[in-house]
Amino acid sequence: MSYAFKIKSIARFNELKDRKMAEYYLIGTLASITFALLVGIVVRAFLMGGM
């Protein structure tokens, strides 16, 4: 886990008591991870000559 993610989690801990904010935070984190994985897959395929 990166340091930036840990710092972000600590900084927003008090905000996560609000359910709506917690949902936005979790959805945003999931979207970021999904996007990073998809970009990684595309870049890997491109570098391996699969596209």
PDB file of N, CA and C in Angstrom:
ATOM      1  N   MET A   1       0.850  -1.171   0.000  1.00  0.00           N
ATOM      2  CA  MET A   1       0.000   0.000   0.000  1.00  0.00           C
ATOM      3  C   MET A   1       0.897   1.236   0.000  1.00  0.00           C
ATOM      4  N   SER A   2       0.549   2.198  -0.826  1.00  0.00           N
ATOM      5  CA  SER A   2       1.391   3.385  -0.939  1.00  0.00           C
ATOM      6  C   SER A   2       1.187   4.323   0.257  1.00  0.00           C
ATOM      7  N   TYR A   3       2.205   5.137   0.488  1.00  0.00           N
ATOM      8  CA  TYR A   3       2.121   6.101   1.582  1.00  0.00           C
ATOM      9  C   TYR A   3       1.031   7.130   1.337  1.00  0.00           C
ATOM     10  N   ALA A   4       0.842   7.511   0.069  1.00  0.00           N
ATOM     11  CA  ALA A   4      -0.178   8.515  -0.245  1.00  0.00           C
ATOM     12  C   ALA A   4      -1.565   8.012   0.151  1.00  0.00           C
ATOM     13  N   PHE A   5      -1.828   6.729  -0.095  1.00  0.00           N
ATOM     14  CA  PHE A   5      -3.131   6.166   0.263  1.00  0.00           C
ATOM     15  C   PHE A   5      -3.324   6.148   1.772  1.00  0.00           C
ATOM     16  N   LYS A   6      -2.273   5.802   2.499  1.00  0.00           N
ATOM     17  CA  LYS A   6      -2.361   5.782   3.961  1.00  0.00           C
ATOM     18  C   LYS A   6      -2.617   7.177   4.506  1.00  0.00           C
ATOM     19  N   ILE A   7      -1.904   8.155   3.991  1.00  0.00           N
ATOM     20  CA  ILE A   7      -2.079   9.533   4.448  1.00  0.00           C
ATOM     21  C   ILE A   7      -3.482  10.019   4.121  1.00  0.00           C
ATOM     22  N   LYS A   8      -3.967   9.683   2.926  1.00  0.00           N
ATOM     23  CA  LYS A   8      -5.317  10.072   2.527  1.00  0.00           C
ATOM     24  C   LYS A   8      -6.337   9.448   3.468  1.00  0.00           C
ATOM     25  N   SER A   9      -6.135   8.195   3.823  1.00  0.00           N
ATOM     26  CA  SER A   9      -7.064   7.512   4.726  1.00  0.00           C
ATOM     27  C   SER A   9      -7.092   8.156   6.098  1.00  0.00           C
ATOM     28  N   ILE A  10      -5.923   8.487   6.620  1.00  0.00           N
ATOM     29  CA  ILE A  10      -5.846   9.125   7.934  1.00  0.00           C
ATOM     30  C   ILE A  10      -6.487  10.505   7.896  1.00  0.00           C
ATOM     31  N   ALA A  11      -6.222  11.258   6.845  1.00  0.00           N
ATOM     32  CA  ALA A  11      -6.742  12.625   6.734  1.00  0.00           C
ATOM     33  C   ALA A  11      -8.265  12.630   6.654  1.00  0.00           C
ATOM     34  N   ARG A  12      -8.854  11.627   6.047  1.00  0.00           N
ATOM     35  CA  ARG A  12     -10.304  11.606   5.843  1.00  0.00           C
ATOM     36  C   ARG A  12     -11.049  10.746   6.866  1.00  0.00           C
ATOM     37  N   PHE A  13     -10.366  10.230   7.854  1.00  0.00           N
ATOM     38  CA  PHE A  13     -11.011   9.316   8.806  1.00  0.00           C
ATOM     39  C   PHE A  13     -12.245   9.928   9.449  1.00  0.00           C
ATOM     40  N   ASN A  14     -12.156  11.174   9.898  1.00  0.00           N
ATOM     41  CA  ASN A  14     -13.304  11.818  10.548  1.00  0.00           C
ATOM     42  C   ASN A  14     -14.452  12.059   9.583  1.00  0.00           C
ATOM     43  N   GLU A  15     -14.124  12.306   8.303  1.00  0.00           N
ATOM     44  CA  GLU A  15     -15.170  12.533   7.312  1.00  0.00           C
ATOM     45  C   GLU A  15     -15.945  11.253   7.010  1.00  0.00           C
ATOM     46  N   LEU A  16     -15.346  10.095   7.257  1.00  0.00           N
ATOM     47  CA  LEU A  16     -15.990   8.827   6.916  1.00  0.00           C
ATOM     48  C   LEU A  16     -17.118   8.459   7.874  1.00  0.00           C
ATOM     49  N   LYS A  17     -17.299   9.222   8.926  1.00  0.00           N
ATOM     50  CA  LYS A  17     -18.421   8.980   9.835  1.00  0.00           C
ATOM     51  C   LYS A  17     -19.746   9.299   9.161  1.00  0.00           C
ATOM     52  N   ASP A  18     -19.708  10.203   8.187  1.00  0.00           N
ATOM     53  CA  ASP A  18     -20.887  10.535   7.390  1.00  0.00           C
ATOM     54  C   ASP A  18     -21.053   9.450   6.317  1.00  0.00           C
ATOM     55  N   ARG A  19     -22.177   8.761   6.326  1.00  0.00           N
ATOM     56  CA  ARG A  19     -22.385   7.624   5.424  1.00  0.00           C
ATOM     57  C   ARG A  19     -22.264   8.010   3.953  1.00  0.00           C
ATOM     58  N   LYS A  20     -22.843   9.139   3.589  1.00  0.00           N
ATOM     59  CA  LYS A  20     -22.802   9.561   2.186  1.00  0.00           C
ATOM     60  C   LYS A  20     -21.361   9.830   1.744  1.00  0.00           C
ATOM     61  N   MET A  21     -20.591  10.483   2.605  1.00  0.00           N
ATOM     62  CA  MET A  21     -19.190  10.753   2.289  1.00  0.00           C
ATOM     63  C   MET A  21     -18.396   9.451   2.196  1.00  0.00           C
ATOM     64  N   ALA A  22     -18.688   8.511   3.077  1.00  0.00           N
ATOM     65  CA  ALA A  22     -18.001   7.215   3.055  1.00  0.00           C
ATOM     66  C   ALA A  22     -18.288   6.472   1.755  1.00  0.00           C
ATOM     67  N   GLU A  23     -19.529   6.536   1.282  1.00  0.00           N
ATOM     68  CA  GLU A  23     -19.880   5.877   0.026  1.00  0.00           C
ATOM     69  C   GLU A  23     -19.143   6.508  -1.150  1.00  0.00           C
ATOM     70  N   TYR A  24     -19.099   7.843  -1.208  1.00  0.00           N
ATOM     71  CA  TYR A  24     -18.358   8.529  -2.267  1.00  0.00           C
ATOM     72  C   TYR A  24     -16.877   8.152  -2.227  1.00  0.00           C
ATOM     73  N   TYR A  25     -16.332   8.094  -1.029  1.00  0.00           N
ATOM     74  CA  TYR A  25     -14.916   7.765  -0.852  1.00  0.00           C
ATOM     75  C   TYR A  25     -14.626   6.353  -1.354  1.00  0.00           C
ATOM     76  N   LEU A  26     -15.469   5.398  -0.970  1.00  0.00           N
ATOM     77  CA  LEU A  26     -15.258   4.013  -1.385  1.00  0.00           C
ATOM     78  C   LEU A  26     -15.452   3.831  -2.886  1.00  0.00           C
ATOM     79  N   ILE A  27     -16.463   4.460  -3.437  1.00  0.00           N
ATOM     80  CA  ILE A  27     -16.706   4.367  -4.878  1.00  0.00           C
ATOM     81  C   ILE A  27     -15.554   5.014  -5.654  1.00  0.00           C
ATOM     82  N   GLY A  28     -15.081   6.148  -5.176  1.00  0.00           N
ATOM     83  CA  GLY A  28     -13.961   6.821  -5.838  1.00  0.00           C
ATOM     84  C   GLY A  28     -12.685   5.997  -5.785  1.00  0.00           C
ATOM     85  N   THR A  29     -12.434   5.376  -4.636  1.00  0.00           N
ATOM     86  CA  THR A  29     -11.253   4.524  -4.502  1.00  0.00           C
ATOM     87  C   THR A  29     -11.354   3.324  -5.432  1.00  0.00           C
ATOM     88  N   LEU A  30     -12.518   2.695  -5.481  1.00  0.00           N
ATOM     89  CA  LEU A  30     -12.722   1.556  -6.371  1.00  0.00           C
ATOM     90  C   LEU A  30     -12.555   1.968  -7.832  1.00  0.00           C
ATOM     91  N   ALA A  31     -13.085   3.121  -8.204  1.00  0.00           N
ATOM     92  CA  ALA A  31     -12.957   3.602  -9.574  1.00  0.00           C
ATOM     93  C   ALA A  31     -11.489   3.868  -9.929  1.00  0.00           C
ATOM     94  N   SER A  32     -10.736   4.442  -9.000  1.00  0.00           N
ATOM     95  CA  SER A  32      -9.319   4.719  -9.240  1.00  0.00           C
ATOM     96  C   SER A  32      -8.521   3.431  -9.432  1.00  0.00           C
ATOM     97  N   ILE A  33      -8.779   2.450  -8.595  1.00  0.00           N
ATOM     98  CA  ILE A  33      -8.078   1.174  -8.695  1.00  0.00           C
ATOM     99  C   ILE A  33      -8.436   0.477 -10.013  1.00  0.00           C
ATOM    100  N   THR A  34      -9.718   0.481 -10.362  1.00  0.00           N
ATOM    101  CA  THR A  34     -10.164  -0.153 -11.601  1.00  0.00           C
ATOM    102  C   THR A  34      -9.529   0.522 -12.815  1.00  0.00           C
ATOM    103  N   PHE A  35      -9.502   1.837 -12.817  1.00  0.00           N
ATOM    104  CA  PHE A  35      -8.899   2.583 -13.926  1.00  0.00           C
ATOM    105  C   PHE A  35      -7.409   2.264 -14.045  1.00  0.00           C
ATOM    106  N   ALA A  36      -6.707   2.237 -12.920  1.00  0.00           N
ATOM    107  CA  ALA A  36      -5.276   1.931 -12.941  1.00  0.00           C
ATOM    108  C   ALA A  36      -5.020   0.518 -13.471  1.00  0.00           C
ATOM    109  N   LEU A  37      -5.840  -0.436 -13.057  1.00  0.00           N
ATOM    110  CA  LEU A  37      -5.685  -1.798 -13.561  1.00  0.00           C
ATOM    111  C   LEU A  37      -5.930  -1.883 -15.063  1.00  0.00           C
ATOM    112  N   LEU A  38      -6.968  -1.219 -15.531  1.00  0.00           N
ATOM    113  CA  LEU A  38      -7.270  -1.235 -16.960  1.00  0.00           C
ATOM    114  C   LEU A  38      -6.159  -0.586 -17.780  1.00  0.00           C
ATOM    115  N   VAL A  39      -5.643   0.530 -17.307  1.00  0.00           N
ATOM    116  CA  VAL A  39      -4.536   1.186 -18.008  1.00  0.00           C
ATOM    117  C   VAL A  39      -3.320   0.270 -18.022  1.00  0.00           C
ATOM    118  N   GLY A  40      -3.037  -0.372 -16.904  1.00  0.00           N
ATOM    119  CA  GLY A  40      -1.913  -1.303 -16.836  1.00  0.00           C
ATOM    120  C   GLY A  40      -2.057  -2.457 -17.802  1.00  0.00           C
ATOM    121  N   ILE A  41      -3.258  -3.009 -17.914  1.00  0.00           N
ATOM    122  CA  ILE A  41      -3.511  -4.108 -18.840  1.00  0.00           C
ATOM    123  C   ILE A  41      -3.316  -3.658 -20.282  1.00  0.00           C
ATOM    124  N   VAL A  42      -3.833  -2.481 -20.623  1.00  0.00           N
ATOM    125  CA  VAL A  42      -3.695  -1.964 -21.983  1.00  0.00           C
ATOM    126  C   VAL A  42      -2.233  -1.680 -22.310  1.00  0.00           C
ATOM    127  N   VAL A  43      -1.520  -1.056 -21.394  1.00  0.00           N
ATOM    128  CA  VAL A  43      -0.104  -0.747 -21.629  1.00  0.00           C
ATOM    129  C   VAL A  43       0.702  -2.034 -21.774  1.00  0.00           C
ATOM    130  N   ARG A  44       0.433  -3.000 -20.922  1.00  0.00           N
ATOM    131  CA  ARG A  44       1.151  -4.277 -21.012  1.00  0.00           C
ATOM    132  C   ARG A  44       0.880  -4.959 -22.344  1.00  0.00           C
ATOM    133  N   ALA A  45      -0.372  -4.976 -22.772  1.00  0.00           N
ATOM    134  CA  ALA A  45      -0.717  -5.579 -24.054  1.00  0.00           C
ATOM    135  C   ALA A  45      -0.031  -4.843 -25.197  1.00  0.00           C
ATOM    136  N   PHE A  46       0.012  -3.534 -25.119  1.00  0.00           N
ATOM    137  CA  PHE A  46       0.662  -2.729 -26.163  1.00  0.00           C
ATOM    138  C   PHE A  46       2.165  -3.024 -26.206  1.00  0.00           C
ATOM    139  N   LEU A  47       2.793  -3.088 -25.045  1.00  0.00           N
ATOM    140  CA  LEU A  47       4.240  -3.342 -24.993  1.00  0.00           C
ATOM    141  C   LEU A  47       4.600  -4.759 -25.409  1.00  0.00           C
ATOM    142  N   MET A  48       3.704  -5.693 -25.169  1.00  0.00           N
ATOM    143  CA  MET A  48       3.960  -7.086 -25.539  1.00  0.00           C
ATOM    144  C   MET A  48       3.582  -7.367 -27.000  1.00  0.00           C
ATOM    145  N   GLY A  49       3.035  -6.360 -27.670  1.00  0.00           N
ATOM    146  CA  GLY A  49       2.672  -6.509 -29.081  1.00  0.00           C
ATOM    147  C   GLY A  49       1.351  -7.197 -29.297  1.00  0.00           C
ATOM    148  N   GLY A  50       0.514  -7.184 -28.291  1.00  0.00           N
ATOM    149  CA  GLY A  50      -0.779  -7.858 -28.390  1.00  0.00           C
ATOM    150  C   GLY A  50      -1.871  -7.049 -29.024  1.00  0.00           C
ATOM    151  N   MET A  51      -1.627  -5.778 -29.289  1.00  0.00           N
ATOM    152  CA  MET A  51      -2.691  -4.949 -29.871  1.00  0.00           C
ATOM    153  C   MET A  51      -2.441  -4.703 -31.328  1.00  0.00           C
TER     154      MET A  51
END
